[in-house]
PDB file of all heavy atoms in Angstrom:
ATOM      1  N   ASN A   1       0.811  -1.195   0.038  1.00  0.00           N
ATOM      2  CA  ASN A   1       0.020  -0.009  -0.026  1.00  0.00           C
ATOM      3  C   ASN A   1       0.850   1.255   0.054  1.00  0.00           C
ATOM      4  O   ASN A   1       0.389   2.447   0.200  1.00  0.00           O
ATOM      5  CB  ASN A   1      -0.891  -0.122   1.223  1.00  0.00           C
ATOM      6  CG  ASN A   1      -0.065   0.148   2.551  1.00  0.00           C
ATOM      7  OD1 ASN A   1       1.014  -0.431   2.640  1.00  0.00           O
ATOM      8  ND2 ASN A   1      -0.776   0.630   3.524  1.00  0.00           N
ATOM      9  N   ILE A   2       2.069   1.126  -0.329  1.00  0.00           N
ATOM     10  CA  ILE A   2       2.974   2.265  -0.249  1.00  0.00           C
ATOM     11  C   ILE A   2       3.092   2.838  -1.729  1.00  0.00           C
ATOM     12  O   ILE A   2       3.441   2.177  -2.724  1.00  0.00           O
ATOM     13  CB  ILE A   2       4.494   1.908   0.170  1.00  0.00           C
ATOM     14  CG1 ILE A   2       4.348   1.268   1.550  1.00  0.00           C
ATOM     15  CG2 ILE A   2       5.346   3.038   0.171  1.00  0.00           C
ATOM     16  CD1 ILE A   2       3.798   2.200   2.610  1.00  0.00           C
ATOM     17  N   PRO A   3       2.927   4.280  -1.886  1.00  0.00           N
ATOM     18  CA  PRO A   3       3.037   4.811  -3.211  1.00  0.00           C
ATOM     19  C   PRO A   3       4.442   4.943  -3.584  1.00  0.00           C
ATOM     20  O   PRO A   3       5.093   5.826  -3.122  1.00  0.00           O
ATOM     21  CB  PRO A   3       2.353   6.106  -3.085  1.00  0.00           C
ATOM     22  CG  PRO A   3       2.449   6.494  -1.590  1.00  0.00           C
ATOM     23  CD  PRO A   3       2.419   5.108  -0.867  1.00  0.00           C
ATOM     24  N   LEU A   4       4.905   4.105  -4.368  1.00  0.00           N
ATOM     25  CA  LEU A   4       6.348   4.113  -4.770  1.00  0.00           C
ATOM     26  C   LEU A   4       6.726   5.314  -5.732  1.00  0.00           C
ATOM     27  O   LEU A   4       5.845   5.923  -6.432  1.00  0.00           O
ATOM     28  CB  LEU A   4       6.720   2.905  -5.534  1.00  0.00           C
ATOM     29  CG  LEU A   4       6.569   1.537  -4.716  1.00  0.00           C
ATOM     30  CD1 LEU A   4       6.992   0.313  -5.489  1.00  0.00           C
ATOM     31  CD2 LEU A   4       7.520   1.645  -3.383  1.00  0.00           C
ATOM     32  N   ALA A   5       8.003   5.840  -5.689  1.00  0.00           N
ATOM     33  CA  ALA A   5       8.375   6.929  -6.441  1.00  0.00           C
ATOM     34  C   ALA A   5       8.741   6.690  -7.856  1.00  0.00           C
ATOM     35  O   ALA A   5       9.198   7.515  -8.688  1.00  0.00           O
ATOM     36  CB  ALA A   5       9.579   7.590  -5.786  1.00  0.00           C
ATOM     37  N   ALA A   6       8.642   5.305  -8.289  1.00  0.00           N
ATOM     38  CA  ALA A   6       8.967   4.934  -9.615  1.00  0.00           C
ATOM     39  C   ALA A   6      10.393   5.267 -10.067  1.00  0.00           C
ATOM     40  O   ALA A   6      10.554   5.626 -11.250  1.00  0.00           O
ATOM     41  CB  ALA A   6       7.902   5.498 -10.578  1.00  0.00           C
ATOM     42  N   GLY A   7      11.218   5.167  -9.182  1.00  0.00           N
ATOM     43  CA  GLY A   7      12.757   5.390  -9.514  1.00  0.00           C
ATOM     44  C   GLY A   7      13.004   6.831  -9.814  1.00  0.00           C
ATOM     45  O   GLY A   7      14.026   7.083 -10.501  1.00  0.00           O
ATOM     46  N   GLN A   8      12.257   7.740  -9.364  1.00  0.00           N
ATOM     47  CA  GLN A   8      12.541   9.170  -9.600  1.00  0.00           C
ATOM     48  C   GLN A   8      13.665   9.659  -8.745  1.00  0.00           C
ATOM     49  O   GLN A   8      13.733   9.382  -7.626  1.00  0.00           O
ATOM     50  CB  GLN A   8      11.320   9.976  -9.262  1.00  0.00           C
ATOM     51  CG  GLN A   8      10.151   9.682 -10.180  1.00  0.00           C
ATOM     52  CD  GLN A   8       8.929  10.583  -9.943  1.00  0.00           C
ATOM     53  OE1 GLN A   8       9.007  11.592  -9.170  1.00  0.00           O
ATOM     54  NE2 GLN A   8       7.788  10.131 -10.575  1.00  0.00           N
ATOM     55  N   PHE A   9      14.570  10.429  -9.398  1.00  0.00           N
ATOM     56  CA  PHE A   9      15.659  11.113  -8.678  1.00  0.00           C
ATOM     57  C   PHE A   9      16.124  12.341  -9.604  1.00  0.00           C
ATOM     58  O   PHE A   9      15.592  12.492 -10.829  1.00  0.00           O
ATOM     59  CB  PHE A   9      16.815  10.307  -8.378  1.00  0.00           C
ATOM     60  CG  PHE A   9      17.582   9.738  -9.586  1.00  0.00           C
ATOM     61  CD1 PHE A   9      18.675  10.396 -10.058  1.00  0.00           C
ATOM     62  CD2 PHE A   9      17.185   8.528 -10.226  1.00  0.00           C
ATOM     63  CE1 PHE A   9      19.396   9.902 -11.202  1.00  0.00           C
ATOM     64  CE2 PHE A   9      17.793   8.108 -11.328  1.00  0.00           C
ATOM     65  CZ  PHE A   9      18.909   8.741 -11.805  1.00  0.00           C
ATOM     66  N   ASP A  10      16.979  13.166  -9.066  1.00  0.00           N
ATOM     67  CA  ASP A  10      17.369  14.369  -9.900  1.00  0.00           C
ATOM     68  C   ASP A  10      18.440  13.901 -10.859  1.00  0.00           C
ATOM     69  O   ASP A  10      19.641  13.897 -10.561  1.00  0.00           O
ATOM     70  CB  ASP A  10      17.951  15.471  -8.896  1.00  0.00           C
ATOM     71  CG  ASP A  10      18.051  16.726  -9.519  1.00  0.00           C
ATOM     72  OD1 ASP A  10      18.365  16.851 -10.690  1.00  0.00           O
ATOM     73  OD2 ASP A  10      17.935  17.786  -8.836  1.00  0.00           O
ATOM     74  N   ARG A  11      17.977  13.725 -12.104  1.00  0.00           N
ATOM     75  CA  ARG A  11      18.866  13.151 -13.050  1.00  0.00           C
ATOM     76  C   ARG A  11      19.777  14.252 -13.688  1.00  0.00           C
ATOM     77  O   ARG A  11      21.007  14.026 -13.957  1.00  0.00           O
ATOM     78  CB  ARG A  11      18.022  12.580 -14.255  1.00  0.00           C
ATOM     79  CG  ARG A  11      17.428  11.273 -14.051  1.00  0.00           C
ATOM     80  CD  ARG A  11      16.421  10.746 -15.005  1.00  0.00           C
ATOM     81  NE  ARG A  11      16.089   9.325 -14.760  1.00  0.00           N
ATOM     82  CZ  ARG A  11      15.315   8.983 -13.831  1.00  0.00           C
ATOM     83  NH1 ARG A  11      14.718   9.793 -13.036  1.00  0.00           N
ATOM     84  NH2 ARG A  11      15.048   7.627 -13.684  1.00  0.00           N
ATOM     85  N   GLU A  12      19.299  15.422 -13.793  1.00  0.00           N
ATOM     86  CA  GLU A  12      20.179  16.648 -14.201  1.00  0.00           C
ATOM     87  C   GLU A  12      21.327  16.788 -13.202  1.00  0.00           C
ATOM     88  O   GLU A  12      22.465  16.913 -13.727  1.00  0.00           O
ATOM     89  CB  GLU A  12      19.365  17.849 -14.284  1.00  0.00           C
ATOM     90  CG  GLU A  12      20.145  19.101 -14.813  1.00  0.00           C
ATOM     91  CD  GLU A  12      19.269  20.431 -14.743  1.00  0.00           C
ATOM     92  OE1 GLU A  12      18.105  20.419 -14.334  1.00  0.00           O
ATOM     93  OE2 GLU A  12      19.962  21.345 -15.246  1.00  0.00           O
ATOM     94  N   LEU A  13      20.990  16.782 -12.033  1.00  0.00           N
ATOM     95  CA  LEU A  13      22.153  16.942 -11.009  1.00  0.00           C
ATOM     96  C   LEU A  13      23.090  15.749 -11.140  1.00  0.00           C
ATOM     97  O   LEU A  13      24.359  15.973 -10.981  1.00  0.00           O
ATOM     98  CB  LEU A  13      21.482  16.965  -9.605  1.00  0.00           C
ATOM     99  CG  LEU A  13      22.457  16.989  -8.399  1.00  0.00           C
ATOM    100  CD1 LEU A  13      23.167  18.356  -8.254  1.00  0.00           C
ATOM    101  CD2 LEU A  13      21.835  16.653  -7.110  1.00  0.00           C
ATOM    102  N   TYR A  14      22.547  14.594 -11.196  1.00  0.00           N
ATOM    103  CA  TYR A  14      23.445  13.390 -11.277  1.00  0.00           C
ATOM    104  C   TYR A  14      24.430  13.557 -12.546  1.00  0.00           C
ATOM    105  O   TYR A  14      25.673  13.349 -12.328  1.00  0.00           O
ATOM    106  CB  TYR A  14      22.507  12.139 -11.513  1.00  0.00           C
ATOM    107  CG  TYR A  14      23.284  10.843 -11.643  1.00  0.00           C
ATOM    108  CD1 TYR A  14      23.811  10.191 -10.603  1.00  0.00           C
ATOM    109  CD2 TYR A  14      23.579  10.293 -12.862  1.00  0.00           C
ATOM    110  CE1 TYR A  14      24.477   9.041 -10.657  1.00  0.00           C
ATOM    111  CE2 TYR A  14      24.246   9.147 -13.134  1.00  0.00           C
ATOM    112  CZ  TYR A  14      24.658   8.467 -11.849  1.00  0.00           C
ATOM    113  OH  TYR A  14      25.404   7.266 -12.056  1.00  0.00           O
ATOM    114  N   LEU A  15      23.912  13.976 -13.689  1.00  0.00           N
ATOM    115  CA  LEU A  15      24.771  14.082 -14.790  1.00  0.00           C
ATOM    116  C   LEU A  15      25.908  15.108 -14.590  1.00  0.00           C
ATOM    117  O   LEU A  15      27.082  14.973 -14.917  1.00  0.00           O
ATOM    118  CB  LEU A  15      23.881  14.332 -16.101  1.00  0.00           C
ATOM    119  CG  LEU A  15      23.036  13.237 -16.582  1.00  0.00           C
ATOM    120  CD1 LEU A  15      22.071  13.628 -17.667  1.00  0.00           C
ATOM    121  CD2 LEU A  15      23.870  11.956 -16.876  1.00  0.00           C
ATOM    122  N   ILE A  16      25.542  16.321 -14.034  1.00  0.00           N
ATOM    123  CA  ILE A  16      26.452  17.308 -13.856  1.00  0.00           C
ATOM    124  C   ILE A  16      27.540  16.944 -12.892  1.00  0.00           C
ATOM    125  O   ILE A  16      28.699  17.130 -13.131  1.00  0.00           O
ATOM    126  CB  ILE A  16      25.754  18.678 -13.381  1.00  0.00           C
ATOM    127  CG1 ILE A  16      24.811  19.255 -14.392  1.00  0.00           C
ATOM    128  CG2 ILE A  16      26.758  19.683 -12.977  1.00  0.00           C
ATOM    129  CD1 ILE A  16      23.904  20.294 -13.872  1.00  0.00           C
ATOM    130  N   GLY A  17      27.068  16.272 -11.766  1.00  0.00           N
ATOM    131  CA  GLY A  17      28.069  15.895 -10.797  1.00  0.00           C
ATOM    132  C   GLY A  17      29.014  14.848 -11.242  1.00  0.00           C
ATOM    133  O   GLY A  17      30.210  14.920 -11.085  1.00  0.00           O
ATOM    134  N   ILE A  18      28.469  13.857 -11.999  1.00  0.00           N
ATOM    135  CA  ILE A  18      29.362  12.728 -12.566  1.00  0.00           C
ATOM    136  C   ILE A  18      30.336  13.281 -13.626  1.00  0.00           C
ATOM    137  O   ILE A  18      31.478  12.890 -13.677  1.00  0.00           O
ATOM    138  CB  ILE A  18      28.468  11.614 -13.132  1.00  0.00           C
ATOM    139  CG1 ILE A  18      27.626  11.052 -11.895  1.00  0.00           C
ATOM    140  CG2 ILE A  18      29.331  10.551 -13.664  1.00  0.00           C
ATOM    141  CD1 ILE A  18      28.414  10.747 -10.691  1.00  0.00           C
ATOM    142  N   ARG A  19      29.804  14.233 -14.454  1.00  0.00           N
ATOM    143  CA  ARG A  19      30.746  14.815 -15.439  1.00  0.00           C
ATOM    144  C   ARG A  19      31.905  15.599 -14.706  1.00  0.00           C
ATOM    145  O   ARG A  19      33.085  15.496 -15.145  1.00  0.00           O
ATOM    146  CB  ARG A  19      29.958  15.862 -16.306  1.00  0.00           C
ATOM    147  CG  ARG A  19      29.049  15.223 -17.383  1.00  0.00           C
ATOM    148  CD  ARG A  19      28.631  16.206 -18.375  1.00  0.00           C
ATOM    149  NE  ARG A  19      27.481  15.715 -19.224  1.00  0.00           N
ATOM    150  CZ  ARG A  19      26.264  16.132 -19.039  1.00  0.00           C
ATOM    151  NH1 ARG A  19      25.991  17.068 -18.102  1.00  0.00           N
ATOM    152  NH2 ARG A  19      25.340  15.624 -19.818  1.00  0.00           N
ATOM    153  N   ARG A  20      31.593  16.326 -13.751  1.00  0.00           N
ATOM    154  CA  ARG A  20      32.644  16.943 -12.900  1.00  0.00           C
ATOM    155  C   ARG A  20      33.604  15.883 -12.320  1.00  0.00           C
ATOM    156  O   ARG A  20      34.874  16.160 -12.375  1.00  0.00           O
ATOM    157  CB  ARG A  20      32.053  17.761 -11.817  1.00  0.00           C
ATOM    158  CG  ARG A  20      31.489  19.181 -12.269  1.00  0.00           C
ATOM    159  CD  ARG A  20      31.274  20.001 -11.066  1.00  0.00           C
ATOM    160  NE  ARG A  20      30.715  21.242 -11.250  1.00  0.00           N
ATOM    161  CZ  ARG A  20      30.380  22.172 -10.464  1.00  0.00           C
ATOM    162  NH1 ARG A  20      30.805  22.005  -9.200  1.00  0.00           N
ATOM    163  NH2 ARG A  20      29.791  23.292 -10.726  1.00  0.00           N
ATOM    164  N   ARG A  21      33.124  14.920 -11.738  1.00  0.00           N
ATOM    165  CA  ARG A  21      33.936  13.863 -11.205  1.00  0.00           C
ATOM    166  C   ARG A  21      34.775  13.291 -12.239  1.00  0.00           C
ATOM    167  O   ARG A  21      36.057  13.133 -11.981  1.00  0.00           O
ATOM    168  CB  ARG A  21      33.014  12.763 -10.508  1.00  0.00           C
ATOM    169  CG  ARG A  21      33.890  11.710  -9.762  1.00  0.00           C
ATOM    170  CD  ARG A  21      32.931  10.656  -9.245  1.00  0.00           C
ATOM    171  NE  ARG A  21      33.566   9.617  -8.474  1.00  0.00           N
ATOM    172  CZ  ARG A  21      33.774   9.576  -7.244  1.00  0.00           C
ATOM    173  NH1 ARG A  21      33.324  10.539  -6.495  1.00  0.00           N
ATOM    174  NH2 ARG A  21      34.443   8.498  -6.649  1.00  0.00           N
ATOM    175  N   ILE A  22      34.305  12.930 -13.452  1.00  0.00           N
ATOM    176  CA  ILE A  22      35.214  12.294 -14.368  1.00  0.00           C
ATOM    177  C   ILE A  22      36.224  13.361 -14.882  1.00  0.00           C
ATOM    178  O   ILE A  22      37.390  12.892 -15.076  1.00  0.00           O
ATOM    179  CB  ILE A  22      34.264  11.889 -15.593  1.00  0.00           C
ATOM    180  CG1 ILE A  22      33.355  10.701 -15.223  1.00  0.00           C
ATOM    181  CG2 ILE A  22      35.122  11.513 -16.926  1.00  0.00           C
ATOM    182  CD1 ILE A  22      32.385  10.414 -16.216  1.00  0.00           C
ATOM    183  N   THR A  23      35.825  14.612 -15.055  1.00  0.00           N
ATOM    184  CA  THR A  23      36.870  15.551 -15.455  1.00  0.00           C
ATOM    185  C   THR A  23      37.945  15.835 -14.398  1.00  0.00           C
ATOM    186  O   THR A  23      39.099  15.878 -14.761  1.00  0.00           O
ATOM    187  CB  THR A  23      36.047  16.920 -15.672  1.00  0.00           C
ATOM    188  OG1 THR A  23      35.059  16.835 -16.654  1.00  0.00           O
ATOM    189  CG2 THR A  23      37.069  18.044 -16.083  1.00  0.00           C
ATOM    190  N   ARG A  24      37.542  15.761 -13.121  1.00  0.00           N
ATOM    191  CA  ARG A  24      38.534  15.902 -12.131  1.00  0.00           C
ATOM    192  C   ARG A  24      39.487  14.772 -12.091  1.00  0.00           C
ATOM    193  O   ARG A  24      40.743  14.884 -11.833  1.00  0.00           O
ATOM    194  CB  ARG A  24      37.845  16.044 -10.745  1.00  0.00           C
ATOM    195  CG  ARG A  24      38.643  16.053  -9.546  1.00  0.00           C
ATOM    196  CD  ARG A  24      38.073  16.531  -8.272  1.00  0.00           C
ATOM    197  NE  ARG A  24      36.844  15.847  -8.085  1.00  0.00           N
ATOM    198  CZ  ARG A  24      36.636  14.715  -7.431  1.00  0.00           C
ATOM    199  NH1 ARG A  24      37.758  14.131  -6.921  1.00  0.00           N
ATOM    200  NH2 ARG A  24      35.551  14.105  -7.189  1.00  0.00           N
ATOM    201  N   GLU A  25      38.976  13.554 -12.258  1.00  0.00           N
ATOM    202  CA  GLU A  25      39.793  12.313 -12.212  1.00  0.00           C
ATOM    203  C   GLU A  25      40.795  12.275 -13.511  1.00  0.00           C
ATOM    204  O   GLU A  25      41.942  11.916 -13.444  1.00  0.00           O
ATOM    205  CB  GLU A  25      38.919  11.009 -12.260  1.00  0.00           C
ATOM    206  CG  GLU A  25      38.188  10.844 -10.912  1.00  0.00           C
ATOM    207  CD  GLU A  25      37.322   9.664 -10.968  1.00  0.00           C
ATOM    208  OE1 GLU A  25      36.994   9.033 -12.115  1.00  0.00           O
ATOM    209  OE2 GLU A  25      36.876   9.200  -9.933  1.00  0.00           O
ATOM    210  N   LEU A  26      40.267  12.764 -14.605  1.00  0.00           N
ATOM    211  CA  LEU A  26      41.060  12.803 -15.842  1.00  0.00           C
ATOM    212  C   LEU A  26      42.260  13.812 -15.692  1.00  0.00           C
ATOM    213  O   LEU A  26      43.346  13.629 -16.088  1.00  0.00           O
ATOM    214  CB  LEU A  26      40.302  13.167 -17.045  1.00  0.00           C
ATOM    215  CG  LEU A  26      39.336  12.094 -17.571  1.00  0.00           C
ATOM    216  CD1 LEU A  26      38.460  12.653 -18.714  1.00  0.00           C
ATOM    217  CD2 LEU A  26      40.094  10.990 -18.008  1.00  0.00           C
ATOM    218  N   GLN A  27      41.953  14.968 -15.102  1.00  0.00           N
ATOM    219  CA  GLN A  27      42.944  16.049 -14.705  1.00  0.00           C
ATOM    220  C   GLN A  27      44.055  15.488 -13.847  1.00  0.00           C
ATOM    221  O   GLN A  27      45.137  15.791 -13.978  1.00  0.00           O
ATOM    222  CB  GLN A  27      42.185  17.221 -14.105  1.00  0.00           C
ATOM    223  CG  GLN A  27      41.386  17.968 -15.135  1.00  0.00           C
ATOM    224  CD  GLN A  27      40.601  19.144 -14.536  1.00  0.00           C
ATOM    225  OE1 GLN A  27      40.486  19.215 -13.267  1.00  0.00           O
ATOM    226  NE2 GLN A  27      40.095  20.071 -15.271  1.00  0.00           N
ATOM    227  N   LYS A  28      43.586  14.697 -12.745  1.00  0.00           N
ATOM    228  CA  LYS A  28      44.551  14.021 -11.881  1.00  0.00           C
ATOM    229  C   LYS A  28      45.567  13.021 -12.572  1.00  0.00           C
ATOM    230  O   LYS A  28      46.741  13.080 -12.365  1.00  0.00           O
ATOM    231  CB  LYS A  28      43.783  13.457 -10.754  1.00  0.00           C
ATOM    232  CG  LYS A  28      43.214  14.281  -9.701  1.00  0.00           C
ATOM    233  CD  LYS A  28      42.574  13.451  -8.572  1.00  0.00           C
ATOM    234  CE  LYS A  28      42.038  14.354  -7.489  1.00  0.00           C
ATOM    235  NZ  LYS A  28      41.510  13.495  -6.376  1.00  0.00           N
ATOM    236  N   LYS A  29      44.962  12.302 -13.501  1.00  0.00           N
ATOM    237  CA  LYS A  29      45.635  11.265 -14.210  1.00  0.00           C
ATOM    238  C   LYS A  29      46.691  12.021 -15.160  1.00  0.00           C
ATOM    239  O   LYS A  29      47.850  11.555 -15.268  1.00  0.00           O
ATOM    240  CB  LYS A  29      44.833  10.344 -14.949  1.00  0.00           C
ATOM    241  CG  LYS A  29      43.973   9.402 -14.122  1.00  0.00           C
ATOM    242  CD  LYS A  29      43.198   8.407 -15.011  1.00  0.00           C
ATOM    243  CE  LYS A  29      42.325   7.488 -14.154  1.00  0.00           C
ATOM    244  NZ  LYS A  29      41.515   6.576 -14.993  1.00  0.00           N
ATOM    245  N   ARG A  30      46.228  13.087 -15.796  1.00  0.00           N
ATOM    246  CA  ARG A  30      47.061  13.861 -16.720  1.00  0.00           C
ATOM    247  C   ARG A  30      48.144  14.541 -15.927  1.00  0.00           C
ATOM    248  O   ARG A  30      49.297  14.495 -16.369  1.00  0.00           O
ATOM    249  CB  ARG A  30      46.196  14.881 -17.435  1.00  0.00           C
ATOM    250  CG  ARG A  30      46.917  15.495 -18.664  1.00  0.00           C
ATOM    251  CD  ARG A  30      46.015  16.514 -19.458  1.00  0.00           C
ATOM    252  NE  ARG A  30      44.729  15.822 -19.912  1.00  0.00           N
ATOM    253  CZ  ARG A  30      43.658  16.067 -19.573  1.00  0.00           C
ATOM    254  NH1 ARG A  30      43.370  16.970 -18.596  1.00  0.00           N
ATOM    255  NH2 ARG A  30      42.506  15.455 -20.004  1.00  0.00           N
ATOM    256  N   ALA A  31      47.931  15.119 -14.840  1.00  0.00           N
ATOM    257  CA  ALA A  31      48.897  15.746 -14.072  1.00  0.00           C
ATOM    258  C   ALA A  31      49.949  14.655 -13.498  1.00  0.00           C
ATOM    259  O   ALA A  31      51.168  14.960 -13.560  1.00  0.00           O
ATOM    260  CB  ALA A  31      48.279  16.418 -12.806  1.00  0.00           C
ATOM    261  N   LEU A  32      49.534  13.545 -13.198  1.00  0.00           N
ATOM    262  CA  LEU A  32      50.379  12.454 -12.675  1.00  0.00           C
ATOM    263  C   LEU A  32      51.313  11.950 -13.843  1.00  0.00           C
ATOM    264  O   LEU A  32      52.420  11.779 -13.629  1.00  0.00           O
ATOM    265  CB  LEU A  32      49.591  11.269 -12.109  1.00  0.00           C
ATOM    266  CG  LEU A  32      50.300  10.114 -11.441  1.00  0.00           C
ATOM    267  CD1 LEU A  32      51.207  10.684 -10.301  1.00  0.00           C
ATOM    268  CD2 LEU A  32      49.425   8.980 -11.059  1.00  0.00           C
ATOM    269  N   LYS A  33      50.608  11.757 -14.988  1.00  0.00           N
ATOM    270  CA  LYS A  33      51.431  11.419 -16.193  1.00  0.00           C
ATOM    271  C   LYS A  33      52.528  12.421 -16.523  1.00  0.00           C
ATOM    272  O   LYS A  33      53.622  12.102 -16.880  1.00  0.00           O
ATOM    273  CB  LYS A  33      50.505  11.108 -17.343  1.00  0.00           C
ATOM    274  CG  LYS A  33      51.164  10.712 -18.630  1.00  0.00           C
ATOM    275  CD  LYS A  33      50.160  10.429 -19.711  1.00  0.00           C
ATOM    276  CE  LYS A  33      50.779   9.979 -20.987  1.00  0.00           C
ATOM    277  NZ  LYS A  33      49.840   9.778 -22.069  1.00  0.00           N
ATOM    278  N   ASP A  34      52.163  13.724 -16.537  1.00  0.00           N
ATOM    279  CA  ASP A  34      53.085  14.811 -16.787  1.00  0.00           C
ATOM    280  C   ASP A  34      54.229  14.745 -15.782  1.00  0.00           C
ATOM    281  O   ASP A  34      55.347  14.967 -16.169  1.00  0.00           O
ATOM    282  CB  ASP A  34      52.380  16.139 -16.883  1.00  0.00           C
ATOM    283  CG  ASP A  34      51.400  16.227 -17.977  1.00  0.00           C
ATOM    284  OD1 ASP A  34      51.451  15.513 -18.944  1.00  0.00           O
ATOM    285  OD2 ASP A  34      50.559  17.097 -17.904  1.00  0.00           O
ATOM    286  N   GLN A  35      53.906  14.542 -14.586  1.00  0.00           N
ATOM    287  CA  GLN A  35      54.906  14.517 -13.560  1.00  0.00           C
ATOM    288  C   GLN A  35      55.861  13.454 -13.672  1.00  0.00           C
ATOM    289  O   GLN A  35      57.130  13.573 -13.597  1.00  0.00           O
ATOM    290  CB  GLN A  35      54.221  14.386 -12.179  1.00  0.00           C
ATOM    291  CG  GLN A  35      55.225  14.494 -10.900  1.00  0.00           C
ATOM    292  CD  GLN A  35      54.461  14.280  -9.583  1.00  0.00           C
ATOM    293  OE1 GLN A  35      53.276  14.083  -9.601  1.00  0.00           O
ATOM    294  NE2 GLN A  35      55.127  14.682  -8.499  1.00  0.00           N
ATOM    295  N   LYS A  36      55.319  12.211 -14.051  1.00  0.00           N
ATOM    296  CA  LYS A  36      56.254  11.029 -14.312  1.00  0.00           C
ATOM    297  C   LYS A  36      57.128  11.190 -15.604  1.00  0.00           C
ATOM    298  O   LYS A  36      58.171  10.781 -15.686  1.00  0.00           O
ATOM    299  CB  LYS A  36      55.443   9.761 -14.438  1.00  0.00           C
ATOM    300  CG  LYS A  36      54.695   9.296 -13.210  1.00  0.00           C
ATOM    301  CD  LYS A  36      54.014   8.087 -13.350  1.00  0.00           C
ATOM    302  CE  LYS A  36      53.414   7.529 -12.045  1.00  0.00           C
ATOM    303  NZ  LYS A  36      52.668   6.254 -12.141  1.00  0.00           N
ATOM    304  N   GLY A  37      56.512  11.942 -16.636  1.00  0.00           N
ATOM    305  CA  GLY A  37      57.249  12.023 -17.883  1.00  0.00           C
ATOM    306  C   GLY A  37      58.296  13.200 -17.818  1.00  0.00           C
ATOM    307  O   GLY A  37      59.082  13.325 -18.731  1.00  0.00           O
ATOM    308  N   SER A  38      58.233  14.061 -16.851  1.00  0.00           N
ATOM    309  CA  SER A  38      59.188  15.192 -16.765  1.00  0.00           C
ATOM    310  C   SER A  38      60.558  14.665 -16.291  1.00  0.00           C
ATOM    311  O   SER A  38      60.637  13.781 -15.506  1.00  0.00           O
ATOM    312  CB  SER A  38      58.625  16.374 -15.903  1.00  0.00           C
ATOM    313  OG  SER A  38      58.551  15.849 -14.553  1.00  0.00           O
ATOM    314  N   THR A  39      61.580  15.428 -16.826  1.00  0.00           N
ATOM    315  CA  THR A  39      62.996  15.031 -16.342  1.00  0.00           C
ATOM    316  C   THR A  39      63.507  16.300 -15.788  1.00  0.00           C
ATOM    317  O   THR A  39      63.285  17.457 -16.363  1.00  0.00           O
ATOM    318  CB  THR A  39      63.725  14.446 -17.462  1.00  0.00           C
ATOM    319  OG1 THR A  39      63.793  15.337 -18.577  1.00  0.00           O
ATOM    320  CG2 THR A  39      63.192  13.070 -17.831  1.00  0.00           C
ATOM    321  N   VAL A  40      64.601  16.188 -14.937  1.00  0.00           N
ATOM    322  CA  VAL A  40      65.316  17.380 -14.446  1.00  0.00           C
ATOM    323  C   VAL A  40      66.662  17.353 -15.000  1.00  0.00           C
ATOM    324  O   VAL A  40      67.377  16.324 -14.774  1.00  0.00           O
ATOM    325  CB  VAL A  40      65.270  17.474 -12.872  1.00  0.00           C
ATOM    326  CG1 VAL A  40      66.069  18.593 -12.407  1.00  0.00           C
ATOM    327  CG2 VAL A  40      63.818  17.481 -12.448  1.00  0.00           C
ATOM    328  N   CYS A  41      67.156  18.359 -15.677  1.00  0.00           N
ATOM    329  CA  CYS A  41      68.481  18.366 -16.244  1.00  0.00           C
ATOM    330  C   CYS A  41      69.337  19.285 -15.314  1.00  0.00           C
ATOM    331  O   CYS A  41      68.908  20.466 -14.967  1.00  0.00           O
ATOM    332  CB  CYS A  41      68.495  18.844 -17.704  1.00  0.00           C
ATOM    333  SG  CYS A  41      67.610  17.781 -18.768  1.00  0.00           S
TER     334      CYS A  41
END
């Protein structure tokens, strides 16, 4: 007898937040790769 929400949630917020998370993780990986690839003369 419970009126279910039919899986509703804030999809727009979800997409924005996950895009930011992916972008942040890619930036970290890129920074780490640049750090490993750099040499000091």
